[in-house]
Amino acid sequence: MSSHASLVAGLAAAGALALAGCGGGDTKKSTAKAPAAAATKTVSIKNFMYAPVAAQSSAGGQIRFTNADSAAHTVTADDGSFDSGTLQRGATKGITFAKAGTFAYHCAFHPYMKGKVVVS
């Protein structure tokens, strides 16, 4: 039986016990674990640099870009697949990466600023 089917069967049995007013019986807990949510990582923009230059994420994870610099910046994919728009000082933009790959980006205002996200 799949873990999903076991979970559904366990929930149905627990509901039946509750409705029947039974307080006793087996109280074992399911050991099935829910899939872990992809973590959010942070990239700071400071001193006209992205830090870290190479951010790591898992598919479905989000990278949060925060502009801690004195000038406005962007996070613009080299291939055009994403763009943060203009990030003024103190602004934050989260970008979610749905699939695995390496995604190079730059600042549209300062093209020498470069970074990449590696998604596994």
PDB file of N, CA and C in Angstrom:
ATOM      1  N   MET A   1       0.855  -1.170   0.000  1.00  0.00           N
ATOM      2  CA  MET A   1       0.000   0.000   0.000  1.00  0.00           C
ATOM      3  C   MET A   1       0.902   1.236   0.000  1.00  0.00           C
ATOM      4  N   SER A   2       0.591   2.253  -0.799  1.00  0.00           N
ATOM      5  CA  SER A   2       1.417   3.455  -0.849  1.00  0.00           C
ATOM      6  C   SER A   2       1.286   4.232   0.456  1.00  0.00           C
ATOM      7  N   SER A   3       2.292   5.104   0.717  1.00  0.00           N
ATOM      8  CA  SER A   3       2.239   5.880   1.954  1.00  0.00           C
ATOM      9  C   SER A   3       1.041   6.820   1.954  1.00  0.00           C
ATOM     10  N   HIS A   4       0.627   7.288   0.781  1.00  0.00           N
ATOM     11  CA  HIS A   4      -0.547   8.159   0.698  1.00  0.00           C
ATOM     12  C   HIS A   4      -1.803   7.371   1.076  1.00  0.00           C
ATOM     13  N   ALA A   5      -1.916   6.155   0.526  1.00  0.00           N
ATOM     14  CA  ALA A   5      -3.082   5.323   0.838  1.00  0.00           C
ATOM     15  C   ALA A   5      -3.085   4.949   2.317  1.00  0.00           C
ATOM     16  N   SER A   6      -1.912   4.678   2.888  1.00  0.00           N
ATOM     17  CA  SER A   6      -1.827   4.355   4.314  1.00  0.00           C
ATOM     18  C   SER A   6      -2.274   5.543   5.155  1.00  0.00           C
ATOM     19  N   LEU A   7      -1.854   6.722   4.759  1.00  0.00           N
ATOM     20  CA  LEU A   7      -2.232   7.927   5.489  1.00  0.00           C
ATOM     21  C   LEU A   7      -3.741   8.135   5.432  1.00  0.00           C
ATOM     22  N   VAL A   8      -4.327   7.967   4.242  1.00  0.00           N
ATOM     23  CA  VAL A   8      -5.779   8.132   4.091  1.00  0.00           C
ATOM     24  C   VAL A   8      -6.512   7.095   4.934  1.00  0.00           C
ATOM     25  N   ALA A   9      -6.040   5.842   4.897  1.00  0.00           N
ATOM     26  CA  ALA A   9      -6.678   4.790   5.692  1.00  0.00           C
ATOM     27  C   ALA A   9      -6.562   5.093   7.178  1.00  0.00           C
ATOM     28  N   GLY A  10      -5.396   5.590   7.611  1.00  0.00           N
ATOM     29  CA  GLY A  10      -5.197   5.934   9.021  1.00  0.00           C
ATOM     30  C   GLY A  10      -6.111   7.062   9.458  1.00  0.00           C
ATOM     31  N   LEU A  11      -6.248   8.064   8.616  1.00  0.00           N
ATOM     32  CA  LEU A  11      -7.132   9.190   8.947  1.00  0.00           C
ATOM     33  C   LEU A  11      -8.583   8.732   9.012  1.00  0.00           C
ATOM     34  N   ALA A  12      -8.980   7.849   8.098  1.00  0.00           N
ATOM     35  CA  ALA A  12     -10.354   7.338   8.107  1.00  0.00           C
ATOM     36  C   ALA A  12     -10.615   6.551   9.386  1.00  0.00           C
ATOM     37  N   ALA A  13      -9.648   5.742   9.807  1.00  0.00           N
ATOM     38  CA  ALA A  13      -9.817   4.953  11.031  1.00  0.00           C
ATOM     39  C   ALA A  13      -9.896   5.867  12.250  1.00  0.00           C
ATOM     40  N   ALA A  14      -9.065   6.895  12.290  1.00  0.00           N
ATOM     41  CA  ALA A  14      -9.095   7.826  13.412  1.00  0.00           C
ATOM     42  C   ALA A  14     -10.438   8.553  13.466  1.00  0.00           C
ATOM     43  N   GLY A  15     -10.943   8.940  12.304  1.00  0.00           N
ATOM     44  CA  GLY A  15     -12.246   9.606  12.261  1.00  0.00           C
ATOM     45  C   GLY A  15     -13.354   8.690  12.731  1.00  0.00           C
ATOM     46  N   ALA A  16     -13.285   7.421  12.340  1.00  0.00           N
ATOM     47  CA  ALA A  16     -14.310   6.464  12.768  1.00  0.00           C
ATOM     48  C   ALA A  16     -14.276   6.273  14.274  1.00  0.00           C
ATOM     49  N   LEU A  17     -13.092   6.200  14.872  1.00  0.00           N
ATOM     50  CA  LEU A  17     -12.969   6.058  16.321  1.00  0.00           C
ATOM     51  C   LEU A  17     -13.538   7.285  17.032  1.00  0.00           C
ATOM     52  N   ALA A  18     -13.252   8.453  16.507  1.00  0.00           N
ATOM     53  CA  ALA A  18     -13.748   9.673  17.136  1.00  0.00           C
ATOM     54  C   ALA A  18     -15.272   9.730  17.087  1.00  0.00           C
ATOM     55  N   LEU A  19     -15.840   9.348  15.946  1.00  0.00           N
ATOM     56  CA  LEU A  19     -17.294   9.372  15.808  1.00  0.00           C
ATOM     57  C   LEU A  19     -17.962   8.318  16.695  1.00  0.00           C
ATOM     58  N   ALA A  20     -17.292   7.204  16.907  1.00  0.00           N
ATOM     59  CA  ALA A  20     -17.864   6.128  17.717  1.00  0.00           C
ATOM     60  C   ALA A  20     -17.697   6.392  19.211  1.00  0.00           C
ATOM     61  N   GLY A  21     -16.926   7.415  19.549  1.00  0.00           N
ATOM     62  CA  GLY A  21     -16.725   7.742  20.959  1.00  0.00           C
ATOM     63  C   GLY A  21     -15.719   6.845  21.643  1.00  0.00           C
ATOM     64  N   CYS A  22     -14.928   6.139  20.871  1.00  0.00           N
ATOM     65  CA  CYS A  22     -13.928   5.238  21.451  1.00  0.00           C
ATOM     66  C   CYS A  22     -12.681   6.034  21.766  1.00  0.00           C
ATOM     67  N   GLY A  23     -12.206   5.933  22.957  1.00  0.00           N
ATOM     68  CA  GLY A  23     -10.991   6.640  23.336  1.00  0.00           C
ATOM     69  C   GLY A  23      -9.791   5.731  23.363  1.00  0.00           C
ATOM     70  N   GLY A  24      -9.980   4.420  23.350  1.00  0.00           N
ATOM     71  CA  GLY A  24      -8.861   3.491  23.470  1.00  0.00           C
ATOM     72  C   GLY A  24      -8.367   3.060  22.120  1.00  0.00           C
ATOM     73  N   GLY A  25      -7.566   2.017  22.136  1.00  0.00           N
ATOM     74  CA  GLY A  25      -7.072   1.456  20.895  1.00  0.00           C
ATOM     75  C   GLY A  25      -5.629   1.828  20.650  1.00  0.00           C
ATOM     76  N   ASP A  26      -5.143   1.468  19.477  1.00  0.00           N
ATOM     77  CA  ASP A  26      -3.762   1.699  19.096  1.00  0.00           C
ATOM     78  C   ASP A  26      -3.542   3.185  18.819  1.00  0.00           C
ATOM     79  N   THR A  27      -2.533   3.755  19.425  1.00  0.00           N
ATOM     80  CA  THR A  27      -2.273   5.188  19.260  1.00  0.00           C
ATOM     81  C   THR A  27      -0.964   5.433  18.510  1.00  0.00           C
ATOM     82  N   LYS A  28      -0.515   4.472  17.687  1.00  0.00           N
ATOM     83  CA  LYS A  28       0.720   4.650  16.919  1.00  0.00           C
ATOM     84  C   LYS A  28       0.542   5.800  15.949  1.00  0.00           C
ATOM     85  N   LYS A  29       1.611   6.585  15.794  1.00  0.00           N
ATOM     86  CA  LYS A  29       1.581   7.704  14.858  1.00  0.00           C
ATOM     87  C   LYS A  29       2.192   7.272  13.536  1.00  0.00           C
ATOM     88  N   SER A  30       1.731   7.874  12.467  1.00  0.00           N
ATOM     89  CA  SER A  30       2.280   7.596  11.149  1.00  0.00           C
ATOM     90  C   SER A  30       3.706   8.096  11.087  1.00  0.00           C
ATOM     91  N   THR A  31       4.572   7.338  10.436  1.00  0.00           N
ATOM     92  CA  THR A  31       5.960   7.760  10.276  1.00  0.00           C
ATOM     93  C   THR A  31       6.194   8.404   8.920  1.00  0.00           C
ATOM     94  N   ALA A  32       5.149   8.559   8.109  1.00  0.00           N
ATOM     95  CA  ALA A  32       5.302   9.192   6.798  1.00  0.00           C
ATOM     96  C   ALA A  32       5.639  10.657   6.995  1.00  0.00           C
ATOM     97  N   LYS A  33       6.592  11.131   6.201  1.00  0.00           N
ATOM     98  CA  LYS A  33       7.005  12.531   6.293  1.00  0.00           C
ATOM     99  C   LYS A  33       6.534  13.278   5.059  1.00  0.00           C
ATOM    100  N   ALA A  34       6.089  14.488   5.280  1.00  0.00           N
ATOM    101  CA  ALA A  34       5.700  15.342   4.160  1.00  0.00           C
ATOM    102  C   ALA A  34       6.968  15.789   3.446  1.00  0.00           C
ATOM    103  N   PRO A  35       6.883  16.029   2.134  1.00  0.00           N
ATOM    104  CA  PRO A  35       8.066  16.503   1.429  1.00  0.00           C
ATOM    105  C   PRO A  35       8.505  17.850   1.991  1.00  0.00           C
ATOM    106  N   ALA A  36       9.815  18.020   2.102  1.00  0.00           N
ATOM    107  CA  ALA A  36      10.358  19.269   2.637  1.00  0.00           C
ATOM    108  C   ALA A  36      10.127  20.400   1.642  1.00  0.00           C
ATOM    109  N   ALA A  37       9.744  21.536   2.148  1.00  0.00           N
ATOM    110  CA  ALA A  37       9.560  22.708   1.299  1.00  0.00           C
ATOM    111  C   ALA A  37      10.938  23.251   0.903  1.00  0.00           C
ATOM    112  N   ALA A  38      11.035  23.749  -0.327  1.00  0.00           N
ATOM    113  CA  ALA A  38      12.295  24.320  -0.778  1.00  0.00           C
ATOM    114  C   ALA A  38      12.574  25.591   0.022  1.00  0.00           C
ATOM    115  N   ALA A  39      13.794  25.735   0.440  1.00  0.00           N
ATOM    116  CA  ALA A  39      14.174  26.870   1.280  1.00  0.00           C
ATOM    117  C   ALA A  39      14.360  28.138   0.451  1.00  0.00           C
ATOM    118  N   THR A  40      14.161  29.267   1.096  1.00  0.00           N
ATOM    119  CA  THR A  40      14.423  30.555   0.472  1.00  0.00           C
ATOM    120  C   THR A  40      15.838  30.979   0.834  1.00  0.00           C
ATOM    121  N   LYS A  41      16.612  31.343  -0.167  1.00  0.00           N
ATOM    122  CA  LYS A  41      17.981  31.814   0.031  1.00  0.00           C
ATOM    123  C   LYS A  41      18.014  33.310  -0.244  1.00  0.00           C
ATOM    124  N   THR A  42      19.024  33.984   0.275  1.00  0.00           N
ATOM    125  CA  THR A  42      19.137  35.428   0.106  1.00  0.00           C
ATOM    126  C   THR A  42      20.433  35.800  -0.608  1.00  0.00           C
ATOM    127  N   VAL A  43      20.312  36.717  -1.556  1.00  0.00           N
ATOM    128  CA  VAL A  43      21.467  37.319  -2.213  1.00  0.00           C
ATOM    129  C   VAL A  43      21.394  38.808  -1.922  1.00  0.00           C
ATOM    130  N   SER A  44      22.479  39.352  -1.366  1.00  0.00           N
ATOM    131  CA  SER A  44      22.551  40.789  -1.082  1.00  0.00           C
ATOM    132  C   SER A  44      23.222  41.504  -2.248  1.00  0.00           C
ATOM    133  N   ILE A  45      22.748  42.700  -2.504  1.00  0.00           N
ATOM    134  CA  ILE A  45      23.377  43.555  -3.505  1.00  0.00           C
ATOM    135  C   ILE A  45      24.017  44.700  -2.729  1.00  0.00           C
ATOM    136  N   LYS A  46      25.346  44.724  -2.715  1.00  0.00           N
ATOM    137  CA  LYS A  46      26.069  45.713  -1.917  1.00  0.00           C
ATOM    138  C   LYS A  46      27.420  45.989  -2.559  1.00  0.00           C
ATOM    139  N   ASN A  47      27.835  47.250  -2.528  1.00  0.00           N
ATOM    140  CA  ASN A  47      29.118  47.656  -3.128  1.00  0.00           C
ATOM    141  C   ASN A  47      29.193  47.258  -4.603  1.00  0.00           C
ATOM    142  N   PHE A  48      28.043  47.373  -5.293  1.00  0.00           N
ATOM    143  CA  PHE A  48      27.950  47.077  -6.719  1.00  0.00           C
ATOM    144  C   PHE A  48      28.367  45.640  -7.026  1.00  0.00           C
ATOM    145  N   MET A  49      27.969  44.721  -6.119  1.00  0.00           N
ATOM    146  CA  MET A  49      28.239  43.291  -6.286  1.00  0.00           C
ATOM    147  C   MET A  49      27.056  42.489  -5.751  1.00  0.00           C
ATOM    148  N   TYR A  50      26.884  41.282  -6.284  1.00  0.00           N
ATOM    149  CA  TYR A  50      25.925  40.324  -5.742  1.00  0.00           C
ATOM    150  C   TYR A  50      26.696  39.419  -4.777  1.00  0.00           C
ATOM    151  N   ALA A  51      26.138  39.165  -3.616  1.00  0.00           N
ATOM    152  CA  ALA A  51      26.809  38.301  -2.638  1.00  0.00           C
ATOM    153  C   ALA A  51      25.814  37.321  -2.046  1.00  0.00           C
ATOM    154  N   PRO A  52      26.001  36.027  -2.249  1.00  0.00           N
ATOM    155  CA  PRO A  52      27.113  35.413  -2.984  1.00  0.00           C
ATOM    156  C   PRO A  52      26.927  35.561  -4.493  1.00  0.00           C
ATOM    157  N   VAL A  53      28.041  35.459  -5.205  1.00  0.00           N
ATOM    158  CA  VAL A  53      27.999  35.568  -6.665  1.00  0.00           C
ATOM    159  C   VAL A  53      27.282  34.357  -7.253  1.00  0.00           C
ATOM    160  N   ALA A  54      27.496  33.186  -6.658  1.00  0.00           N
ATOM    161  CA  ALA A  54      26.830  31.956  -7.111  1.00  0.00           C
ATOM    162  C   ALA A  54      25.933  31.451  -5.988  1.00  0.00           C
ATOM    163  N   ALA A  55      24.634  31.594  -6.157  1.00  0.00           N
ATOM    164  CA  ALA A  55      23.663  31.131  -5.160  1.00  0.00           C
ATOM    165  C   ALA A  55      23.178  29.736  -5.536  1.00  0.00           C
ATOM    166  N   GLN A  56      22.956  28.899  -4.533  1.00  0.00           N
ATOM    167  CA  GLN A  56      22.476  27.525  -4.734  1.00  0.00           C
ATOM    168  C   GLN A  56      21.012  27.441  -4.312  1.00  0.00           C
ATOM    169  N   SER A  57      20.232  26.658  -5.043  1.00  0.00           N
ATOM    170  CA  SER A  57      18.835  26.430  -4.694  1.00  0.00           C
ATOM    171  C   SER A  57      18.416  25.061  -5.201  1.00  0.00           C
ATOM    172  N   SER A  58      17.308  24.585  -4.689  1.00  0.00           N
ATOM    173  CA  SER A  58      16.711  23.368  -5.243  1.00  0.00           C
ATOM    174  C   SER A  58      15.529  23.797  -6.102  1.00  0.00           C
ATOM    175  N   ALA A  59      15.118  22.926  -7.012  1.00  0.00           N
ATOM    176  CA  ALA A  59      13.986  23.240  -7.885  1.00  0.00           C
ATOM    177  C   ALA A  59      12.776  23.588  -7.025  1.00  0.00           C
ATOM    178  N   GLY A  60      12.105  24.666  -7.360  1.00  0.00           N
ATOM    179  CA  GLY A  60      10.971  25.147  -6.579  1.00  0.00           C
ATOM    180  C   GLY A  60      11.381  26.123  -5.498  1.00  0.00           C
ATOM    181  N   GLY A  61      12.677  26.293  -5.311  1.00  0.00           N
ATOM    182  CA  GLY A  61      13.186  27.213  -4.282  1.00  0.00           C
ATOM    183  C   GLY A  61      13.167  28.654  -4.759  1.00  0.00           C
ATOM    184  N   GLN A  62      13.256  29.534  -3.807  1.00  0.00           N
ATOM    185  CA  GLN A  62      13.229  30.962  -4.116  1.00  0.00           C
ATOM    186  C   GLN A  62      14.540  31.603  -3.683  1.00  0.00           C
ATOM    187  N   ILE A  63      15.012  32.525  -4.503  1.00  0.00           N
ATOM    188  CA  ILE A  63      16.149  33.366  -4.146  1.00  0.00           C
ATOM    189  C   ILE A  63      15.575  34.757  -3.923  1.00  0.00           C
ATOM    190  N   ARG A  64      15.877  35.316  -2.772  1.00  0.00           N
ATOM    191  CA  ARG A  64      15.409  36.664  -2.432  1.00  0.00           C
ATOM    192  C   ARG A  64      16.591  37.616  -2.594  1.00  0.00           C
ATOM    193  N   PHE A  65      16.445  38.576  -3.507  1.00  0.00           N
ATOM    194  CA  PHE A  65      17.479  39.570  -3.788  1.00  0.00           C
ATOM    195  C   PHE A  65      17.142  40.847  -3.026  1.00  0.00           C
ATOM    196  N   THR A  66      18.094  41.331  -2.230  1.00  0.00           N
ATOM    197  CA  THR A  66      17.882  42.539  -1.433  1.00  0.00           C
ATOM    198  C   THR A  66      18.935  43.579  -1.790  1.00  0.00           C
ATOM    199  N   ASN A  67      18.471  44.769  -2.178  1.00  0.00           N
ATOM    200  CA  ASN A  67      19.395  45.840  -2.538  1.00  0.00           C
ATOM    201  C   ASN A  67      19.788  46.632  -1.296  1.00  0.00           C
ATOM    202  N   ALA A  68      21.011  46.421  -0.848  1.00  0.00           N
ATOM    203  CA  ALA A  68      21.549  47.154   0.299  1.00  0.00           C
ATOM    204  C   ALA A  68      22.573  48.183  -0.170  1.00  0.00           C
ATOM    205  N   ASP A  69      22.496  48.561  -1.430  1.00  0.00           N
ATOM    206  CA  ASP A  69      23.463  49.483  -2.022  1.00  0.00           C
ATOM    207  C   ASP A  69      22.885  50.888  -2.104  1.00  0.00           C
ATOM    208  N   SER A  70      23.744  51.841  -2.451  1.00  0.00           N
ATOM    209  CA  SER A  70      23.311  53.240  -2.553  1.00  0.00           C
ATOM    210  C   SER A  70      22.614  53.534  -3.876  1.00  0.00           C
ATOM    211  N   ALA A  71      22.800  52.683  -4.877  1.00  0.00           N
ATOM    212  CA  ALA A  71      22.214  52.893  -6.203  1.00  0.00           C
ATOM    213  C   ALA A  71      21.129  51.863  -6.487  1.00  0.00           C
ATOM    214  N   ALA A  72      20.291  52.168  -7.466  1.00  0.00           N
ATOM    215  CA  ALA A  72      19.284  51.210  -7.924  1.00  0.00           C
ATOM    216  C   ALA A  72      19.961  50.137  -8.771  1.00  0.00           C
ATOM    217  N   HIS A  73      19.434  48.912  -8.698  1.00  0.00           N
ATOM    218  CA  HIS A  73      19.978  47.789  -9.464  1.00  0.00           C
ATOM    219  C   HIS A  73      18.835  46.942  -9.994  1.00  0.00           C
ATOM    220  N   THR A  74      19.175  45.979 -10.869  1.00  0.00           N
ATOM    221  CA  THR A  74      18.226  44.966 -11.320  1.00  0.00           C
ATOM    222  C   THR A  74      18.881  43.600 -11.174  1.00  0.00           C
ATOM    223  N   VAL A  75      18.056  42.593 -11.264  1.00  0.00           N
ATOM    224  CA  VAL A  75      18.510  41.200 -11.378  1.00  0.00           C
ATOM    225  C   VAL A  75      17.863  40.715 -12.665  1.00  0.00           C
ATOM    226  N   THR A  76      18.637  40.720 -13.741  1.00  0.00           N
ATOM    227  CA  THR A  76      18.123  40.449 -15.080  1.00  0.00           C
ATOM    228  C   THR A  76      18.810  39.220 -15.655  1.00  0.00           C
ATOM    229  N   ALA A  77      18.024  38.197 -15.983  1.00  0.00           N
ATOM    230  CA  ALA A  77      18.588  36.967 -16.551  1.00  0.00           C
ATOM    231  C   ALA A  77      19.262  37.263 -17.883  1.00  0.00           C
ATOM    232  N   ASP A  78      20.431  36.668 -18.095  1.00  0.00           N
ATOM    233  CA  ASP A  78      21.136  36.844 -19.367  1.00  0.00           C
ATOM    234  C   ASP A  78      20.289  36.350 -20.533  1.00  0.00           C
ATOM    235  N   ASP A  79      19.472  35.305 -20.298  1.00  0.00           N
ATOM    236  CA  ASP A  79      18.637  34.745 -21.369  1.00  0.00           C
ATOM    237  C   ASP A  79      17.228  35.367 -21.406  1.00  0.00           C
ATOM    238  N   GLY A  80      16.972  36.360 -20.553  1.00  0.00           N
ATOM    239  CA  GLY A  80      15.681  37.046 -20.543  1.00  0.00           C
ATOM    240  C   GLY A  80      14.567  36.309 -19.813  1.00  0.00           C
ATOM    241  N   SER A  81      14.875  35.222 -19.124  1.00  0.00           N
ATOM    242  CA  SER A  81      13.828  34.414 -18.481  1.00  0.00           C
ATOM    243  C   SER A  81      13.254  35.036 -17.214  1.00  0.00           C
ATOM    244  N   PHE A  82      13.959  35.968 -16.597  1.00  0.00           N
ATOM    245  CA  PHE A  82      13.422  36.675 -15.427  1.00  0.00           C
ATOM    246  C   PHE A  82      14.051  38.051 -15.327  1.00  0.00           C
ATOM    247  N   ASP A  83      13.356  38.942 -14.649  1.00  0.00           N
ATOM    248  CA  ASP A  83      13.849  40.302 -14.422  1.00  0.00           C
ATOM    249  C   ASP A  83      13.157  40.835 -13.177  1.00  0.00           C
ATOM    250  N   SER A  84      13.928  41.329 -12.253  1.00  0.00           N
ATOM    251  CA  SER A  84      13.378  41.849 -11.004  1.00  0.00           C
ATOM    252  C   SER A  84      12.711  43.197 -11.166  1.00  0.00           C
ATOM    253  N   GLY A  85      13.002  43.879 -12.263  1.00  0.00           N
ATOM    254  CA  GLY A  85      12.616  45.273 -12.358  1.00  0.00           C
ATOM    255  C   GLY A  85      13.617  46.085 -11.528  1.00  0.00           C
ATOM    256  N   THR A  86      13.403  47.369 -11.448  1.00  0.00           N
ATOM    257  CA  THR A  86      14.322  48.222 -10.696  1.00  0.00           C
ATOM    258  C   THR A  86      14.142  48.014  -9.199  1.00  0.00           C
ATOM    259  N   LEU A  87      15.249  47.718  -8.537  1.00  0.00           N
ATOM    260  CA  LEU A  87      15.251  47.577  -7.079  1.00  0.00           C
ATOM    261  C   LEU A  87      15.940  48.805  -6.486  1.00  0.00           C
ATOM    262  N   GLN A  88      15.155  49.661  -5.873  1.00  0.00           N
ATOM    263  CA  GLN A  88      15.717  50.825  -5.194  1.00  0.00           C
ATOM    264  C   GLN A  88      16.390  50.373  -3.891  1.00  0.00           C
ATOM    265  N   ARG A  89      17.131  51.247  -3.270  1.00  0.00           N
ATOM    266  CA  ARG A  89      17.792  50.924  -2.003  1.00  0.00           C
ATOM    267  C   ARG A  89      16.772  50.391  -0.993  1.00  0.00           C
ATOM    268  N   GLY A  90      17.086  49.231  -0.377  1.00  0.00           N
ATOM    269  CA  GLY A  90      16.213  48.617   0.611  1.00  0.00           C
ATOM    270  C   GLY A  90      15.139  47.711   0.036  1.00  0.00           C
ATOM    271  N   ALA A  91      14.982  47.691  -1.283  1.00  0.00           N
ATOM    272  CA  ALA A  91      13.948  46.857  -1.904  1.00  0.00           C
ATOM    273  C   ALA A  91      14.384  45.398  -1.974  1.00  0.00           C
ATOM    274  N   THR A  92      13.395  44.517  -1.945  1.00  0.00           N
ATOM    275  CA  THR A  92      13.623  43.075  -2.025  1.00  0.00           C
ATOM    276  C   THR A  92      12.707  42.482  -3.078  1.00  0.00           C
ATOM    277  N   LYS A  93      13.231  41.507  -3.818  1.00  0.00           N
ATOM    278  CA  LYS A  93      12.441  40.806  -4.834  1.00  0.00           C
ATOM    279  C   LYS A  93      12.775  39.326  -4.759  1.00  0.00           C
ATOM    280  N   GLY A  94      11.752  38.486  -4.625  1.00  0.00           N
ATOM    281  CA  GLY A  94      11.941  37.042  -4.623  1.00  0.00           C
ATOM    282  C   GLY A  94      11.690  36.476  -6.006  1.00  0.00           C
ATOM    283  N   ILE A  95      12.580  35.598  -6.449  1.00  0.00           N
ATOM    284  CA  ILE A  95      12.423  34.936  -7.740  1.00  0.00           C
ATOM    285  C   ILE A  95      12.468  33.432  -7.485  1.00  0.00           C
ATOM    286  N   THR A  96      11.442  32.720  -7.952  1.00  0.00           N
ATOM    287  CA  THR A  96      11.344  31.278  -7.773  1.00  0.00           C
ATOM    288  C   THR A  96      11.885  30.579  -9.009  1.00  0.00           C
ATOM    289  N   PHE A  97      12.687  29.539  -8.771  1.00  0.00           N
ATOM    290  CA  PHE A  97      13.296  28.766  -9.853  1.00  0.00           C
ATOM    291  C   PHE A  97      12.657  27.379  -9.871  1.00  0.00           C
ATOM    292  N   ALA A  98      11.831  27.124 -10.880  1.00  0.00           N
ATOM    293  CA  ALA A  98      11.034  25.900 -10.935  1.00  0.00           C
ATOM    294  C   ALA A  98      11.813  24.690 -11.419  1.00  0.00           C
ATOM    295  N   LYS A  99      12.843  24.895 -12.240  1.00  0.00           N
ATOM    296  CA  LYS A  99      13.543  23.742 -12.803  1.00  0.00           C
ATOM    297  C   LYS A  99      15.048  23.845 -12.572  1.00  0.00           C
ATOM    298  N   ALA A 100      15.702  22.693 -12.689  1.00  0.00           N
ATOM    299  CA  ALA A 100      17.152  22.622 -12.493  1.00  0.00           C
ATOM    300  C   ALA A 100      17.882  23.315 -13.645  1.00  0.00           C
ATOM    301  N   GLY A 101      19.049  23.826 -13.339  1.00  0.00           N
ATOM    302  CA  GLY A 101      19.883  24.472 -14.349  1.00  0.00           C
ATOM    303  C   GLY A 101      20.740  25.546 -13.723  1.00  0.00           C
ATOM    304  N   THR A 102      21.525  26.197 -14.547  1.00  0.00           N
ATOM    305  CA  THR A 102      22.344  27.327 -14.119  1.00  0.00           C
ATOM    306  C   THR A 102      21.816  28.558 -14.830  1.00  0.00           C
ATOM    307  N   PHE A 103      21.496  29.584 -14.041  1.00  0.00           N
ATOM    308  CA  PHE A 103      20.864  30.783 -14.567  1.00  0.00           C
ATOM    309  C   PHE A 103      21.757  31.991 -14.279  1.00  0.00           C
ATOM    310  N   ALA A 104      22.402  32.487 -15.330  1.00  0.00           N
ATOM    311  CA  ALA A 104      23.281  33.649 -15.208  1.00  0.00           C
ATOM    312  C   ALA A 104      22.439  34.920 -15.256  1.00  0.00           C
ATOM    313  N   TYR A 105      22.858  35.922 -14.488  1.00  0.00           N
ATOM    314  CA  TYR A 105      22.142  37.195 -14.479  1.00  0.00           C
ATOM    315  C   TYR A 105      23.119  38.349 -14.322  1.00  0.00           C
ATOM    316  N   HIS A 106      22.612  39.556 -14.533  1.00  0.00           N
ATOM    317  CA  HIS A 106      23.415  40.771 -14.444  1.00  0.00           C
ATOM    318  C   HIS A 106      22.513  41.937 -14.021  1.00  0.00           C
ATOM    319  N   CYS A 107      23.123  43.076 -13.763  1.00  0.00           N
ATOM    320  CA  CYS A 107      22.381  44.311 -13.493  1.00  0.00           C
ATOM    321  C   CYS A 107      22.262  45.075 -14.805  1.00  0.00           C
ATOM    322  N   ALA A 108      21.044  45.431 -15.192  1.00  0.00           N
ATOM    323  CA  ALA A 108      20.830  46.155 -16.450  1.00  0.00           C
ATOM    324  C   ALA A 108      21.483  47.539 -16.427  1.00  0.00           C
ATOM    325  N   PHE A 109      21.614  48.132 -15.244  1.00  0.00           N
ATOM    326  CA  PHE A 109      22.228  49.459 -15.129  1.00  0.00           C
ATOM    327  C   PHE A 109      23.749  49.376 -15.058  1.00  0.00           C
ATOM    328  N   HIS A 110      24.259  48.288 -14.531  1.00  0.00           N
ATOM    329  CA  HIS A 110      25.703  48.112 -14.317  1.00  0.00           C
ATOM    330  C   HIS A 110      26.087  46.723 -14.838  1.00  0.00           C
ATOM    331  N   PRO A 111      26.260  46.567 -16.160  1.00  0.00           N
ATOM    332  CA  PRO A 111      26.447  45.246 -16.773  1.00  0.00           C
ATOM    333  C   PRO A 111      27.656  44.456 -16.259  1.00  0.00           C
ATOM    334  N   TYR A 112      28.604  45.129 -15.614  1.00  0.00           N
ATOM    335  CA  TYR A 112      29.754  44.416 -15.047  1.00  0.00           C
ATOM    336  C   TYR A 112      29.365  43.640 -13.789  1.00  0.00           C
ATOM    337  N   MET A 113      28.209  43.935 -13.215  1.00  0.00           N
ATOM    338  CA  MET A 113      27.714  43.174 -12.059  1.00  0.00           C
ATOM    339  C   MET A 113      27.095  41.881 -12.576  1.00  0.00           C
ATOM    340  N   LYS A 114      27.664  40.753 -12.169  1.00  0.00           N
ATOM    341  CA  LYS A 114      27.189  39.468 -12.663  1.00  0.00           C
ATOM    342  C   LYS A 114      27.044  38.478 -11.522  1.00  0.00           C
ATOM    343  N   GLY A 115      26.109  37.544 -11.692  1.00  0.00           N
ATOM    344  CA  GLY A 115      25.912  36.478 -10.727  1.00  0.00           C
ATOM    345  C   GLY A 115      25.251  35.300 -11.407  1.00  0.00           C
ATOM    346  N   LYS A 116      25.054  34.224 -10.636  1.00  0.00           N
ATOM    347  CA  LYS A 116      24.345  33.074 -11.193  1.00  0.00           C
ATOM    348  C   LYS A 116      23.649  32.328 -10.076  1.00  0.00           C
ATOM    349  N   VAL A 117      22.598  31.629 -10.474  1.00  0.00           N
ATOM    350  CA  VAL A 117      21.863  30.749  -9.560  1.00  0.00           C
ATOM    351  C   VAL A 117      22.004  29.342 -10.116  1.00  0.00           C
ATOM    352  N   VAL A 118      22.442  28.419  -9.265  1.00  0.00           N
ATOM    353  CA  VAL A 118      22.577  27.018  -9.649  1.00  0.00           C
ATOM    354  C   VAL A 118      21.458  26.253  -8.949  1.00  0.00           C
ATOM    355  N   VAL A 119      20.561  25.685  -9.751  1.00  0.00           N
ATOM    356  CA  VAL A 119      19.384  24.984  -9.216  1.00  0.00           C
ATOM    357  C   VAL A 119      19.545  23.485  -9.469  1.00  0.00           C
ATOM    358  N   SER A 120      19.443  22.703  -8.377  1.00  0.00           N
ATOM    359  CA  SER A 120      19.578  21.240  -8.515  1.00  0.00           C
ATOM    360  C   SER A 120      18.232  20.570  -8.422  1.00  0.00           C
TER     361      SER A 120
END
